[in-house]
Amino acid sequence: DISEAKEIHAQLDALFELLSDKRKKKIKNEFE
């Protein structure tokens, strides 16, 4: 079902955001 696929895609996006937050903070601190 398309809604199931969209739900998994949203979970992958959430995971990506969770992992990329640390990376963004690290890069920001390096430039500061």
Full PDB file with SEQRES, HELIX, SHEET, SSBOND, CRYST1, ORIGX, SCALE, CONECT and MASTER records, all heavy atoms in Angstrom:
SEQRES   1 A   32  ASP ILE SER GLU ALA LYS GLU ILE HIS ALA GLN LEU ASP          
SEQRES   2 A   32  ALA LEU PHE GLU LEU LEU SER ASP LYS ARG LYS LYS LYS          
SEQRES   3 A   32  ILE LYS ASN GLU PHE GLU                                      
HELIX    1 AA1 ILE A    2  PHE A   31  1                                  30    
CRYST1    1.000    1.000    1.000  90.00  90.00  90.00 P 1           1          
ORIGX1      1.000000  0.000000  0.000000        0.00000                         
ORIGX2      0.000000  1.000000  0.000000        0.00000                         
ORIGX3      0.000000  0.000000  1.000000        0.00000                         
SCALE1      1.000000  0.000000  0.000000        0.00000                         
SCALE2      0.000000  1.000000  0.000000        0.00000                         
SCALE3      0.000000  0.000000  1.000000        0.00000                         
ATOM      1  N   ASP A   1       0.847  -1.179   0.000  1.00  0.00           N  
ATOM      2  CA  ASP A   1       0.000   0.000   0.000  1.00  0.00           C  
ATOM      3  C   ASP A   1       0.890   1.240   0.000  1.00  0.00           C  
ATOM      4  O   ASP A   1       1.904   1.288   0.689  1.00  0.00           O  
ATOM      5  CB  ASP A   1      -0.901  -0.025   1.241  1.00  0.00           C  
ATOM      6  CG  ASP A   1      -1.879   1.123   1.263  1.00  0.00           C  
ATOM      7  OD1 ASP A   1      -2.514   1.374   0.220  1.00  0.00           O  
ATOM      8  OD2 ASP A   1      -2.000   1.766   2.322  1.00  0.00           O  
ATOM      9  N   ILE A   2       0.491   2.248  -0.756  1.00  0.00           N  
ATOM     10  CA  ILE A   2       1.306   3.459  -0.873  1.00  0.00           C  
ATOM     11  C   ILE A   2       1.495   4.147   0.474  1.00  0.00           C  
ATOM     12  O   ILE A   2       2.563   4.708   0.739  1.00  0.00           O  
ATOM     13  CB  ILE A   2       0.714   4.433  -1.922  1.00  0.00           C  
ATOM     14  CG1 ILE A   2       1.687   5.587  -2.228  1.00  0.00           C  
ATOM     15  CG2 ILE A   2      -0.599   5.001  -1.456  1.00  0.00           C  
ATOM     16  CD1 ILE A   2       2.869   5.175  -2.999  1.00  0.00           C  
ATOM     17  N   SER A   3       0.503   4.075   1.341  1.00  0.00           N  
ATOM     18  CA  SER A   3       0.639   4.712   2.658  1.00  0.00           C  
ATOM     19  C   SER A   3       1.714   4.018   3.491  1.00  0.00           C  
ATOM     20  O   SER A   3       2.435   4.669   4.251  1.00  0.00           O  
ATOM     21  CB  SER A   3      -0.695   4.728   3.404  1.00  0.00           C  
ATOM     22  OG  SER A   3      -1.142   3.420   3.649  1.00  0.00           O  
ATOM     23  N   GLU A   4       1.850   2.701   3.353  1.00  0.00           N  
ATOM     24  CA  GLU A   4       2.901   1.973   4.061  1.00  0.00           C  
ATOM     25  C   GLU A   4       4.281   2.404   3.565  1.00  0.00           C  
ATOM     26  O   GLU A   4       5.206   2.599   4.357  1.00  0.00           O  
ATOM     27  CB  GLU A   4       2.731   0.472   3.878  1.00  0.00           C  
ATOM     28  CG  GLU A   4       1.517  -0.111   4.565  1.00  0.00           C  
ATOM     29  CD  GLU A   4       1.339  -1.593   4.269  1.00  0.00           C  
ATOM     30  OE1 GLU A   4       2.230  -2.203   3.654  1.00  0.00           O  
ATOM     31  OE2 GLU A   4       0.296  -2.126   4.670  1.00  0.00           O  
ATOM     32  N   ALA A   5       4.405   2.550   2.244  1.00  0.00           N  
ATOM     33  CA  ALA A   5       5.681   2.977   1.674  1.00  0.00           C  
ATOM     34  C   ALA A   5       6.020   4.400   2.128  1.00  0.00           C  
ATOM     35  O   ALA A   5       7.169   4.697   2.459  1.00  0.00           O  
ATOM     36  CB  ALA A   5       5.625   2.896   0.151  1.00  0.00           C  
ATOM     37  N   LYS A   6       5.017   5.266   2.174  1.00  0.00           N  
ATOM     38  CA  LYS A   6       5.240   6.645   2.623  1.00  0.00           C  
ATOM     39  C   LYS A   6       5.642   6.685   4.097  1.00  0.00           C  
ATOM     40  O   LYS A   6       6.476   7.495   4.500  1.00  0.00           O  
ATOM     41  CB  LYS A   6       3.992   7.493   2.399  1.00  0.00           C  
ATOM     42  CG  LYS A   6       3.768   7.848   0.943  1.00  0.00           C  
ATOM     43  CD  LYS A   6       2.537   8.711   0.779  1.00  0.00           C  
ATOM     44  CE  LYS A   6       2.333   9.076  -0.673  1.00  0.00           C  
ATOM     45  NZ  LYS A   6       1.135   9.923  -0.858  1.00  0.00           N  
ATOM     46  N   GLU A   7       5.061   5.801   4.894  1.00  0.00           N  
ATOM     47  CA  GLU A   7       5.396   5.748   6.316  1.00  0.00           C  
ATOM     48  C   GLU A   7       6.859   5.352   6.515  1.00  0.00           C  
ATOM     49  O   GLU A   7       7.572   5.940   7.321  1.00  0.00           O  
ATOM     50  CB  GLU A   7       4.479   4.759   7.034  1.00  0.00           C  
ATOM     51  CG  GLU A   7       4.712   4.683   8.517  1.00  0.00           C  
ATOM     52  CD  GLU A   7       3.787   3.697   9.196  1.00  0.00           C  
ATOM     53  OE1 GLU A   7       2.654   3.491   8.716  1.00  0.00           O  
ATOM     54  OE2 GLU A   7       4.211   3.123  10.207  1.00  0.00           O  
ATOM     55  N   ILE A   8       7.301   4.376   5.766  1.00  0.00           N  
ATOM     56  CA  ILE A   8       8.700   3.950   5.869  1.00  0.00           C  
ATOM     57  C   ILE A   8       9.626   5.056   5.372  1.00  0.00           C  
ATOM     58  O   ILE A   8      10.668   5.311   5.968  1.00  0.00           O  
ATOM     59  CB  ILE A   8       8.932   2.632   5.110  1.00  0.00           C  
ATOM     60  CG1 ILE A   8       8.221   1.510   5.858  1.00  0.00           C  
ATOM     61  CG2 ILE A   8      10.414   2.330   4.971  1.00  0.00           C  
ATOM     62  CD1 ILE A   8       8.323   0.172   5.233  1.00  0.00           C  
ATOM     63  N   HIS A   9       9.221   5.724   4.311  1.00  0.00           N  
ATOM     64  CA  HIS A   9      10.025   6.838   3.806  1.00  0.00           C  
ATOM     65  C   HIS A   9      10.143   7.927   4.871  1.00  0.00           C  
ATOM     66  O   HIS A   9      11.229   8.492   5.073  1.00  0.00           O  
ATOM     67  CB  HIS A   9       9.395   7.395   2.533  1.00  0.00           C  
ATOM     68  CG  HIS A   9      10.229   8.422   1.870  1.00  0.00           C  
ATOM     69  ND1 HIS A   9      10.084   9.755   2.113  1.00  0.00           N  
ATOM     70  CD2 HIS A   9      11.247   8.308   0.979  1.00  0.00           C  
ATOM     71  CE1 HIS A   9      10.963  10.432   1.402  1.00  0.00           C  
ATOM     72  NE2 HIS A   9      11.690   9.576   0.710  1.00  0.00           N  
ATOM     73  N   ALA A  10       9.068   8.215   5.572  1.00  0.00           N  
ATOM     74  CA  ALA A  10       9.095   9.214   6.644  1.00  0.00           C  
ATOM     75  C   ALA A  10      10.033   8.774   7.764  1.00  0.00           C  
ATOM     76  O   ALA A  10      10.757   9.596   8.344  1.00  0.00           O  
ATOM     77  CB  ALA A  10       7.684   9.445   7.182  1.00  0.00           C  
ATOM     78  N   GLN A  11      10.023   7.474   8.086  1.00  0.00           N  
ATOM     79  CA  GLN A  11      10.932   6.956   9.115  1.00  0.00           C  
ATOM     80  C   GLN A  11      12.393   7.110   8.683  1.00  0.00           C  
ATOM     81  O   GLN A  11      13.246   7.460   9.494  1.00  0.00           O  
ATOM     82  CB  GLN A  11      10.631   5.482   9.411  1.00  0.00           C  
ATOM     83  CG  GLN A  11       9.377   5.270  10.195  1.00  0.00           C  
ATOM     84  CD  GLN A  11       9.539   5.746  11.621  1.00  0.00           C  
ATOM     85  OE1 GLN A  11      10.572   5.565  12.245  1.00  0.00           O  
ATOM     86  NE2 GLN A  11       8.503   6.364  12.138  1.00  0.00           N  
ATOM     87  N   LEU A  12      12.669   6.850   7.413  1.00  0.00           N  
ATOM     88  CA  LEU A  12      14.032   7.022   6.911  1.00  0.00           C  
ATOM     89  C   LEU A  12      14.441   8.493   6.965  1.00  0.00           C  
ATOM     90  O   LEU A  12      15.584   8.812   7.301  1.00  0.00           O  
ATOM     91  CB  LEU A  12      14.145   6.484   5.484  1.00  0.00           C  
ATOM     92  CG  LEU A  12      14.144   4.969   5.355  1.00  0.00           C  
ATOM     93  CD1 LEU A  12      14.013   4.562   3.896  1.00  0.00           C  
ATOM     94  CD2 LEU A  12      15.405   4.381   5.958  1.00  0.00           C  
ATOM     95  N   ASP A  13      13.511   9.396   6.631  1.00  0.00           N  
ATOM     96  CA  ASP A  13      13.804  10.828   6.735  1.00  0.00           C  
ATOM     97  C   ASP A  13      14.105  11.224   8.174  1.00  0.00           C  
ATOM     98  O   ASP A  13      15.028  11.996   8.432  1.00  0.00           O  
ATOM     99  CB  ASP A  13      12.625  11.667   6.214  1.00  0.00           C  
ATOM    100  CG  ASP A  13      12.586  11.735   4.703  1.00  0.00           C  
ATOM    101  OD1 ASP A  13      13.612  11.437   4.055  1.00  0.00           O  
ATOM    102  OD2 ASP A  13      11.518  12.108   4.172  1.00  0.00           O  
ATOM    103  N   ALA A  14      13.319  10.708   9.113  1.00  0.00           N  
ATOM    104  CA  ALA A  14      13.530  11.023  10.524  1.00  0.00           C  
ATOM    105  C   ALA A  14      14.898  10.520  10.983  1.00  0.00           C  
ATOM    106  O   ALA A  14      15.611  11.208  11.715  1.00  0.00           O  
ATOM    107  CB  ALA A  14      12.426  10.407  11.378  1.00  0.00           C  
ATOM    108  N   LEU A  15      15.256   9.342  10.543  1.00  0.00           N  
ATOM    109  CA  LEU A  15      16.566   8.783  10.899  1.00  0.00           C  
ATOM    110  C   LEU A  15      17.685   9.618  10.301  1.00  0.00           C  
ATOM    111  O   LEU A  15      18.673   9.925  10.965  1.00  0.00           O  
ATOM    112  CB  LEU A  15      16.659   7.336  10.422  1.00  0.00           C  
ATOM    113  CG  LEU A  15      17.936   6.598  10.740  1.00  0.00           C  
ATOM    114  CD1 LEU A  15      18.174   6.544  12.236  1.00  0.00           C  
ATOM    115  CD2 LEU A  15      17.872   5.191  10.164  1.00  0.00           C  
ATOM    116  N   PHE A  16      17.515  10.018   9.054  1.00  0.00           N  
ATOM    117  CA  PHE A  16      18.520  10.865   8.409  1.00  0.00           C  
ATOM    118  C   PHE A  16      18.688  12.179   9.161  1.00  0.00           C  
ATOM    119  O   PHE A  16      19.808  12.624   9.404  1.00  0.00           O  
ATOM    120  CB  PHE A  16      18.130  11.135   6.953  1.00  0.00           C  
ATOM    121  CG  PHE A  16      19.058  12.076   6.265  1.00  0.00           C  
ATOM    122  CD1 PHE A  16      20.312  11.660   5.858  1.00  0.00           C  
ATOM    123  CD2 PHE A  16      18.689  13.391   6.041  1.00  0.00           C  
ATOM    124  CE1 PHE A  16      21.183  12.536   5.235  1.00  0.00           C  
ATOM    125  CE2 PHE A  16      19.559  14.271   5.424  1.00  0.00           C  
ATOM    126  CZ  PHE A  16      20.802  13.844   5.018  1.00  0.00           C  
ATOM    127  N   GLU A  17      17.580  12.802   9.540  1.00  0.00           N  
ATOM    128  CA  GLU A  17      17.644  14.057  10.289  1.00  0.00           C  
ATOM    129  C   GLU A  17      18.342  13.860  11.631  1.00  0.00           C  
ATOM    130  O   GLU A  17      19.140  14.689  12.051  1.00  0.00           O  
ATOM    131  CB  GLU A  17      16.241  14.632  10.512  1.00  0.00           C  
ATOM    132  CG  GLU A  17      15.616  15.199   9.267  1.00  0.00           C  
ATOM    133  CD  GLU A  17      16.403  16.362   8.685  1.00  0.00           C  
ATOM    134  OE1 GLU A  17      16.869  17.223   9.460  1.00  0.00           O  
ATOM    135  OE2 GLU A  17      16.550  16.395   7.454  1.00  0.00           O  
ATOM    136  N   LEU A  18      18.023  12.770  12.288  1.00  0.00           N  
ATOM    137  CA  LEU A  18      18.642  12.479  13.571  1.00  0.00           C  
ATOM    138  C   LEU A  18      20.154  12.352  13.425  1.00  0.00           C  
ATOM    139  O   LEU A  18      20.920  12.885  14.229  1.00  0.00           O  
ATOM    140  CB  LEU A  18      18.055  11.189  14.143  1.00  0.00           C  
ATOM    141  CG  LEU A  18      18.554  10.734  15.495  1.00  0.00           C  
ATOM    142  CD1 LEU A  18      18.082  11.709  16.566  1.00  0.00           C  
ATOM    143  CD2 LEU A  18      18.035   9.351  15.799  1.00  0.00           C  
ATOM    144  N   LEU A  19      20.580  11.671  12.401  1.00  0.00           N  
ATOM    145  CA  LEU A  19      22.008  11.470  12.181  1.00  0.00           C  
ATOM    146  C   LEU A  19      22.694  12.712  11.636  1.00  0.00           C  
ATOM    147  O   LEU A  19      23.839  12.983  11.960  1.00  0.00           O  
ATOM    148  CB  LEU A  19      22.237  10.297  11.224  1.00  0.00           C  
ATOM    149  CG  LEU A  19      21.827   8.935  11.762  1.00  0.00           C  
ATOM    150  CD1 LEU A  19      21.944   7.880  10.677  1.00  0.00           C  
ATOM    151  CD2 LEU A  19      22.653   8.562  12.967  1.00  0.00           C  
ATOM    152  N   SER A  20      21.999  13.490  10.823  1.00  0.00           N  
ATOM    153  CA  SER A  20      22.633  14.659  10.213  1.00  0.00           C  
ATOM    154  C   SER A  20      22.704  15.835  11.179  1.00  0.00           C  
ATOM    155  O   SER A  20      23.532  16.723  10.997  1.00  0.00           O  
ATOM    156  CB  SER A  20      21.909  15.069   8.936  1.00  0.00           C  
ATOM    157  OG  SER A  20      20.598  15.488   9.217  1.00  0.00           O  
ATOM    158  N   ASP A  21      21.891  15.877  12.220  1.00  0.00           N  
ATOM    159  CA  ASP A  21      21.946  16.955  13.206  1.00  0.00           C  
ATOM    160  C   ASP A  21      23.325  17.031  13.843  1.00  0.00           C  
ATOM    161  O   ASP A  21      23.896  18.101  13.977  1.00  0.00           O  
ATOM    162  CB  ASP A  21      20.897  16.763  14.309  1.00  0.00           C  
ATOM    163  CG  ASP A  21      19.522  17.199  13.872  1.00  0.00           C  
ATOM    164  OD1 ASP A  21      19.417  17.873  12.831  1.00  0.00           O  
ATOM    165  OD2 ASP A  21      18.559  16.867  14.573  1.00  0.00           O  
ATOM    166  N   LYS A  22      23.866  15.905  14.231  1.00  0.00           N  
ATOM    167  CA  LYS A  22      25.183  15.875  14.878  1.00  0.00           C  
ATOM    168  C   LYS A  22      26.244  16.364  13.899  1.00  0.00           C  
ATOM    169  O   LYS A  22      27.130  17.123  14.264  1.00  0.00           O  
ATOM    170  CB  LYS A  22      25.500  14.470  15.362  1.00  0.00           C  
ATOM    171  CG  LYS A  22      26.821  14.384  16.085  1.00  0.00           C  
ATOM    172  CD  LYS A  22      27.069  13.020  16.631  1.00  0.00           C  
ATOM    173  CE  LYS A  22      28.377  12.994  17.392  1.00  0.00           C  
ATOM    174  NZ  LYS A  22      28.668  11.690  17.943  1.00  0.00           N  
ATOM    175  N   ARG A  23      26.122  15.940  12.661  1.00  0.00           N  
ATOM    176  CA  ARG A  23      27.102  16.328  11.649  1.00  0.00           C  
ATOM    177  C   ARG A  23      27.052  17.835  11.404  1.00  0.00           C  
ATOM    178  O   ARG A  23      28.074  18.483  11.278  1.00  0.00           O  
ATOM    179  CB  ARG A  23      26.817  15.560  10.371  1.00  0.00           C  
ATOM    180  CG  ARG A  23      27.846  15.748   9.309  1.00  0.00           C  
ATOM    181  CD  ARG A  23      27.569  14.855   8.148  1.00  0.00           C  
ATOM    182  NE  ARG A  23      28.644  14.969   7.193  1.00  0.00           N  
ATOM    183  CZ  ARG A  23      28.647  14.423   6.024  1.00  0.00           C  
ATOM    184  NH1 ARG A  23      27.635  13.694   5.647  1.00  0.00           N  
ATOM    185  NH2 ARG A  23      29.650  14.570   5.201  1.00  0.00           N  
ATOM    186  N   LYS A  24      25.837  18.401  11.321  1.00  0.00           N  
ATOM    187  CA  LYS A  24      25.687  19.839  11.102  1.00  0.00           C  
ATOM    188  C   LYS A  24      26.294  20.621  12.255  1.00  0.00           C  
ATOM    189  O   LYS A  24      26.970  21.621  12.045  1.00  0.00           O  
ATOM    190  CB  LYS A  24      24.212  20.210  10.951  1.00  0.00           C  
ATOM    191  CG  LYS A  24      23.605  19.786   9.651  1.00  0.00           C  
ATOM    192  CD  LYS A  24      22.130  20.159   9.611  1.00  0.00           C  
ATOM    193  CE  LYS A  24      21.446  19.582   8.403  1.00  0.00           C  
ATOM    194  NZ  LYS A  24      20.014  19.854   8.391  1.00  0.00           N  
ATOM    195  N   LYS A  25      26.053  20.167  13.483  1.00  0.00           N  
ATOM    196  CA  LYS A  25      26.594  20.844  14.653  1.00  0.00           C  
ATOM    197  C   LYS A  25      28.118  20.809  14.635  1.00  0.00           C  
ATOM    198  O   LYS A  25      28.776  21.792  14.950  1.00  0.00           O  
ATOM    199  CB  LYS A  25      26.065  20.209  15.932  1.00  0.00           C  
ATOM    200  CG  LYS A  25      24.617  20.505  16.202  1.00  0.00           C  
ATOM    201  CD  LYS A  25      24.141  19.797  17.456  1.00  0.00           C  
ATOM    202  CE  LYS A  25      22.655  19.969  17.647  1.00  0.00           C  
ATOM    203  NZ  LYS A  25      22.158  19.204  18.790  1.00  0.00           N  
ATOM    204  N   LYS A  26      28.679  19.666  14.268  1.00  0.00           N  
ATOM    205  CA  LYS A  26      30.127  19.518  14.239  1.00  0.00           C  
ATOM    206  C   LYS A  26      30.731  20.462  13.197  1.00  0.00           C  
ATOM    207  O   LYS A  26      31.712  21.152  13.459  1.00  0.00           O  
ATOM    208  CB  LYS A  26      30.498  18.072  13.918  1.00  0.00           C  
ATOM    209  CG  LYS A  26      31.976  17.790  13.953  1.00  0.00           C  
ATOM    210  CD  LYS A  26      32.252  16.324  13.692  1.00  0.00           C  
ATOM    211  CE  LYS A  26      33.736  16.032  13.751  1.00  0.00           C  
ATOM    212  NZ  LYS A  26      34.024  14.642  13.465  1.00  0.00           N  
ATOM    213  N   ILE A  27      30.130  20.528  12.015  1.00  0.00           N  
ATOM    214  CA  ILE A  27      30.625  21.401  10.951  1.00  0.00           C  
ATOM    215  C   ILE A  27      30.483  22.857  11.369  1.00  0.00           C  
ATOM    216  O   ILE A  27      31.398  23.659  11.185  1.00  0.00           O  
ATOM    217  CB  ILE A  27      29.876  21.127   9.626  1.00  0.00           C  
ATOM    218  CG1 ILE A  27      30.267  19.748   9.084  1.00  0.00           C  
ATOM    219  CG2 ILE A  27      30.188  22.200   8.599  1.00  0.00           C  
ATOM    220  CD1 ILE A  27      29.442  19.277   7.918  1.00  0.00           C  
ATOM    221  N   LYS A  28      29.350  23.203  11.977  1.00  0.00           N  
ATOM    222  CA  LYS A  28      29.122  24.572  12.426  1.00  0.00           C  
ATOM    223  C   LYS A  28      30.171  24.975  13.459  1.00  0.00           C  
ATOM    224  O   LYS A  28      30.733  26.073  13.393  1.00  0.00           O  
ATOM    225  CB  LYS A  28      27.724  24.706  13.021  1.00  0.00           C  
ATOM    226  CG  LYS A  28      27.364  26.106  13.430  1.00  0.00           C  
ATOM    227  CD  LYS A  28      25.966  26.162  13.988  1.00  0.00           C  
ATOM    228  CE  LYS A  28      25.637  27.563  14.474  1.00  0.00           C  
ATOM    229  NZ  LYS A  28      24.317  27.629  15.089  1.00  0.00           N  
ATOM    230  N   ASN A  29      30.462  24.093  14.396  1.00  0.00           N  
ATOM    231  CA  ASN A  29      31.469  24.383  15.428  1.00  0.00           C  
ATOM    232  C   ASN A  29      32.856  24.565  14.816  1.00  0.00           C  
ATOM    233  O   ASN A  29      33.628  25.402  15.264  1.00  0.00           O  
ATOM    234  CB  ASN A  29      31.500  23.280  16.472  1.00  0.00           C  
ATOM    235  CG  ASN A  29      30.288  23.326  17.384  1.00  0.00           C  
ATOM    236  OD1 ASN A  29      29.631  24.358  17.500  1.00  0.00           O  
ATOM    237  ND2 ASN A  29      29.994  22.210  18.008  1.00  0.00           N  
ATOM    238  N   GLU A  30      33.174  23.802  13.795  1.00  0.00           N  
ATOM    239  CA  GLU A  30      34.477  23.935  13.157  1.00  0.00           C  
ATOM    240  C   GLU A  30      34.623  25.287  12.492  1.00  0.00           C  
ATOM    241  O   GLU A  30      35.677  25.911  12.538  1.00  0.00           O  
ATOM    242  CB  GLU A  30      34.677  22.809  12.147  1.00  0.00           C  
ATOM    243  CG  GLU A  30      34.909  21.453  12.774  1.00  0.00           C  
ATOM    244  CD  GLU A  30      35.000  20.333  11.769  1.00  0.00           C  
ATOM    245  OE1 GLU A  30      34.966  20.613  10.550  1.00  0.00           O  
ATOM    246  OE2 GLU A  30      35.119  19.177  12.201  1.00  0.00           O  
ATOM    247  N   PHE A  31      33.554  25.782  11.861  1.00  0.00           N  
ATOM    248  CA  PHE A  31      33.617  27.068  11.186  1.00  0.00           C  
ATOM    249  C   PHE A  31      33.598  28.233  12.166  1.00  0.00           C  
ATOM    250  O   PHE A  31      34.102  29.310  11.857  1.00  0.00           O  
ATOM    251  CB  PHE A  31      32.477  27.218  10.167  1.00  0.00           C  
ATOM    252  CG  PHE A  31      32.709  26.436   8.915  1.00  0.00           C  
ATOM    253  CD1 PHE A  31      31.903  25.365   8.584  1.00  0.00           C  
ATOM    254  CD2 PHE A  31      33.755  26.760   8.054  1.00  0.00           C  
ATOM    255  CE1 PHE A  31      32.112  24.651   7.423  1.00  0.00           C  
ATOM    256  CE2 PHE A  31      33.980  26.042   6.912  1.00  0.00           C  
ATOM    257  CZ  PHE A  31      33.168  24.987   6.574  1.00  0.00           C  
ATOM    258  N   GLU A  32      33.034  28.037  13.335  1.00  0.00           N  
ATOM    259  CA  GLU A  32      33.006  29.102  14.339  1.00  0.00           C  
ATOM    260  C   GLU A  32      34.399  29.372  14.893  1.00  0.00           C  
ATOM    261  O   GLU A  32      34.671  30.452  15.407  1.00  0.00           O  
ATOM    262  CB  GLU A  32      32.046  28.741  15.476  1.00  0.00           C  
ATOM    263  CG  GLU A  32      30.603  28.861  15.081  1.00  0.00           C  
ATOM    264  CD  GLU A  32      29.651  28.426  16.172  1.00  0.00           C  
ATOM    265  OE1 GLU A  32      30.116  27.868  17.197  1.00  0.00           O  
ATOM    266  OE2 GLU A  32      28.441  28.625  16.016  1.00  0.00           O  
TER     267      GLU A  32                                                      
MASTER        0    0    0    1    0    0    0    6  266    1    0    3          
END                                                                             
